[in-house]
Amino acid sequence: MQPTQSRPGHFWTTDDVAQLWFGESGPEPPQTVRCYNMQDHLNSGEAREAPVSGLEFLGAGIFGEARPSGSNSTTRWTGDSYRYGIYRNPSGLYKNGIVVLEHHGGGMFGYAFDNLVAGDTWGHIASSFPPEMIWNLCHQIARAYRAARDAERQIVYQAFADGRLNKRRRNHRVYVEMMAA
């Protein structure tokens, strides 16, 4: 991927049909994108940087036609503020790693899928699903990930408020232990 800029001072965007905005407008294109680790053995609420230049476009998640906003509503939602792109990430932990990029008014977020089946699975999705179905899947994954992070954060906040977090040292390392309620 080679980020493009319509003119100096404007935000950099992806050079594919997804047309995702990086949220950076400097003179130099972004070199990396921050991605949440989506593998259970890697994910401790952490993120890592994926090099932009190595990302290979596979498919776009675009909302499509306006949809009803609720079961009994005549109001239609366009969903255009959310866009998704699926990219192969050969510099990930596996050469067929996948990065799903999400762009909306809050910025760009990446989701890194690194395992043996990620490349085949997401490659099939990108080549077989229409853009609206890719959008549905990516949007659902992003919302579920954020909901899980928010729920875990609230558990830690409550433990802090209750005084159930203890700072411990072991083998010259500091860690936090949460006591049972």
Protein backbone atom coordinates (compact mmCIF):
# COMPACT_ATOMS: atom_id res chain seq x y z
CA MET A 1 0.00 0.00 0.00
CA GLN A 2 1.18 3.47 -0.82
CA PRO A 3 -0.77 6.16 1.09
CA THR A 4 -1.90 9.09 -1.06
CA GLN A 5 -2.61 12.71 -0.26
CA SER A 6 -4.92 14.85 -2.44
CA ARG A 7 -2.81 17.94 -1.68
CA PRO A 8 -0.27 19.00 0.95
CA GLY A 9 -1.77 19.37 4.39
CA HIS A 10 -4.69 17.00 3.72
CA PHE A 11 -5.13 13.63 5.40
CA TRP A 12 -3.37 10.62 3.92
CA THR A 13 -5.66 7.89 2.53
CA THR A 14 -5.23 4.32 1.35
CA ASP A 15 -4.67 3.89 -2.38
CA ASP A 16 -7.47 1.35 -2.89
CA VAL A 17 -11.25 1.24 -3.22
CA ALA A 18 -11.67 1.28 0.57
CA GLN A 19 -10.25 4.84 0.66
CA LEU A 20 -9.57 4.82 4.40
CA TRP A 21 -8.25 7.96 6.09
CA PHE A 22 -5.15 7.60 8.26
CA GLY A 23 -5.81 10.67 10.39
CA GLU A 24 -2.34 12.03 9.61
CA SER A 25 -1.75 15.05 7.42
CA GLY A 26 1.98 15.73 7.67
CA PRO A 27 4.38 16.02 4.76
CA GLU A 28 5.48 12.37 5.10
CA PRO A 29 3.07 9.43 4.63
CA PRO A 30 2.36 7.22 7.64
CA GLN A 31 4.86 4.38 8.00
CA THR A 32 2.89 2.19 10.40
CA VAL A 33 -0.65 1.64 11.60
CA ARG A 34 -1.51 0.63 15.16
CA CYS A 35 -3.30 -2.73 15.35
CA TYR A 36 -4.96 -4.52 18.24
CA ASN A 37 -3.77 -8.12 18.59
CA MET A 38 -6.75 -10.37 17.89
CA GLN A 39 -5.07 -13.68 18.83
CA ASP A 40 -5.87 -15.03 22.27
CA HIS A 41 -2.27 -16.02 23.02
CA LEU A 42 -1.04 -12.54 22.03
CA ASN A 43 -3.83 -10.33 23.24
CA SER A 44 -3.35 -8.84 26.64
CA GLY A 45 -5.10 -5.66 25.61
CA GLU A 46 -1.99 -4.72 23.71
CA ALA A 47 -1.38 -3.38 20.24
CA ARG A 48 1.48 -3.38 17.80
CA GLU A 49 2.53 -1.39 14.77
CA ALA A 50 2.10 -2.90 11.28
CA PRO A 51 4.21 -1.44 8.45
CA VAL A 52 1.93 0.27 5.92
CA SER A 53 4.17 -0.39 2.91
CA GLY A 54 3.82 -4.17 3.25
CA LEU A 55 0.02 -4.29 3.44
CA GLU A 56 -1.61 -5.91 0.37
CA PHE A 57 -5.24 -4.96 -0.33
CA LEU A 58 -7.71 -7.88 -0.46
CA GLY A 59 -11.15 -6.34 -0.07
CA ALA A 60 -13.26 -3.42 1.14
CA GLY A 61 -16.17 -3.27 3.54
CA ILE A 62 -18.48 -0.56 2.27
CA PHE A 63 -21.93 -0.01 3.76
CA GLY A 64 -23.85 0.28 0.50
CA GLU A 65 -27.49 1.41 0.25
CA ALA A 66 -29.20 3.03 3.24
CA ARG A 67 -30.79 0.53 5.65
CA PRO A 68 -33.60 0.86 8.20
CA SER A 69 -32.21 2.07 11.52
CA GLY A 70 -34.53 -0.14 13.57
CA SER A 71 -37.17 -2.84 13.22
CA ASN A 72 -40.14 -0.43 13.31
CA SER A 73 -38.40 2.70 12.04
CA THR A 74 -38.83 4.54 8.77
CA THR A 75 -35.52 6.33 9.37
CA ARG A 76 -32.71 4.96 7.23
CA TRP A 77 -29.06 4.78 8.26
CA THR A 78 -26.32 5.18 5.67
CA GLY A 79 -23.40 3.93 7.75
CA ASP A 80 -20.98 5.75 5.42
CA SER A 81 -18.96 7.07 8.36
CA TYR A 82 -17.55 3.56 8.89
CA ARG A 83 -15.32 1.97 6.25
CA TYR A 84 -13.20 -1.16 6.37
CA GLY A 85 -10.33 -2.65 4.41
CA ILE A 86 -8.89 -6.16 4.53
CA TYR A 87 -5.13 -6.44 3.94
CA ARG A 88 -2.63 -9.28 3.85
CA ASN A 89 0.24 -8.54 6.24
CA PRO A 90 3.31 -10.58 5.25
CA SER A 91 5.36 -8.88 7.98
CA GLY A 92 3.10 -10.23 10.74
CA LEU A 93 3.84 -13.29 12.83
CA TYR A 94 2.70 -15.46 9.91
CA LYS A 95 3.31 -14.59 6.27
CA ASN A 96 -0.44 -14.87 5.69
CA GLY A 97 -1.39 -12.62 8.58
CA ILE A 98 -4.32 -10.27 8.06
CA VAL A 99 -4.94 -6.69 9.13
CA VAL A 100 -8.47 -5.30 9.07
CA LEU A 101 -8.43 -1.50 9.07
CA GLU A 102 -11.42 0.46 10.31
CA HIS A 103 -11.94 4.16 9.63
CA HIS A 104 -14.60 6.37 11.19
CA GLY A 105 -14.89 9.83 12.73
CA GLY A 106 -12.79 8.73 15.70
CA GLY A 107 -9.80 7.81 13.52
CA MET A 108 -8.27 4.65 12.12
CA PHE A 109 -8.03 1.40 14.06
CA GLY A 110 -6.37 -1.83 13.02
CA TYR A 111 -7.14 -5.40 14.01
CA ALA A 112 -4.30 -7.90 13.43
CA PHE A 113 -5.23 -11.55 12.87
CA ASP A 114 -2.09 -13.70 13.02
CA ASN A 115 -2.61 -17.44 12.92
CA LEU A 116 -2.35 -20.31 10.45
CA VAL A 117 -5.86 -19.90 9.04
CA ALA A 118 -6.23 -16.11 8.94
CA GLY A 119 -4.95 -15.68 5.38
CA ASP A 120 -7.17 -18.39 3.91
CA THR A 121 -10.23 -17.34 5.90
CA TRP A 122 -10.05 -13.62 5.20
CA GLY A 123 -8.89 -14.19 1.62
CA HIS A 124 -12.05 -16.22 1.01
CA ILE A 125 -14.21 -13.58 2.68
CA ALA A 126 -12.63 -10.80 0.60
CA SER A 127 -13.04 -12.67 -2.68
CA SER A 128 -16.49 -14.18 -2.05
CA PHE A 129 -18.50 -11.72 0.03
CA PRO A 130 -20.05 -8.53 -1.38
CA PRO A 131 -18.72 -5.28 0.18
CA GLU A 132 -21.88 -4.89 2.28
CA MET A 133 -21.39 -8.30 3.92
CA ILE A 134 -17.70 -7.55 4.54
CA TRP A 135 -18.85 -4.31 6.18
CA ASN A 136 -21.32 -6.23 8.38
CA LEU A 137 -18.68 -8.74 9.49
CA CYS A 138 -15.95 -6.16 10.15
CA HIS A 139 -18.34 -3.83 11.97
CA GLN A 140 -19.55 -6.66 14.20
CA ILE A 141 -15.98 -7.74 15.04
CA ALA A 142 -14.92 -4.16 15.84
CA ARG A 143 -17.95 -3.54 18.07
CA ALA A 144 -17.55 -6.87 19.88
CA TYR A 145 -13.85 -6.17 20.50
CA ARG A 146 -14.57 -2.73 21.91
CA ALA A 147 -17.42 -4.02 24.08
CA ALA A 148 -15.16 -6.71 25.55
CA ARG A 149 -12.39 -4.19 26.26
CA ASP A 150 -14.87 -1.82 27.91
CA ALA A 151 -16.32 -4.60 30.09
CA GLU A 152 -12.85 -5.71 31.28
CA ARG A 153 -11.86 -2.10 31.94
CA GLN A 154 -14.92 -1.64 34.15
CA ILE A 155 -13.98 -4.74 36.16
CA VAL A 156 -10.51 -3.29 36.81
CA TYR A 157 -11.96 0.15 37.67
CA GLN A 158 -14.36 -1.43 40.16
CA ALA A 159 -11.54 -3.45 41.72
CA PHE A 160 -9.51 -0.24 42.05
CA ALA A 161 -12.47 1.58 43.64
CA ASP A 162 -12.94 -1.34 46.06
CA GLY A 163 -9.22 -1.39 46.95
CA ARG A 164 -8.75 -4.91 45.54
CA LEU A 165 -5.69 -4.15 43.36
CA ASN A 166 -2.31 -4.92 44.88
CA LYS A 167 1.08 -4.07 43.46
CA ARG A 168 3.51 -7.00 43.76
CA ARG A 169 7.16 -7.61 42.94
CA ARG A 170 8.60 -10.94 41.88
CA ASN A 171 11.95 -11.63 40.23
CA HIS A 172 12.66 -7.91 39.88
CA ARG A 173 9.38 -7.39 37.99
CA VAL A 174 6.32 -5.43 39.06
CA TYR A 175 2.83 -6.75 38.41
CA VAL A 176 -0.68 -6.06 39.63
CA GLU A 177 -2.77 -8.68 41.38
CA MET A 178 -6.55 -8.42 41.65
CA MET A 179 -8.07 -9.82 44.82
CA ALA A 180 -11.43 -11.63 44.69
CA ALA A 181 -14.51 -9.58 45.56
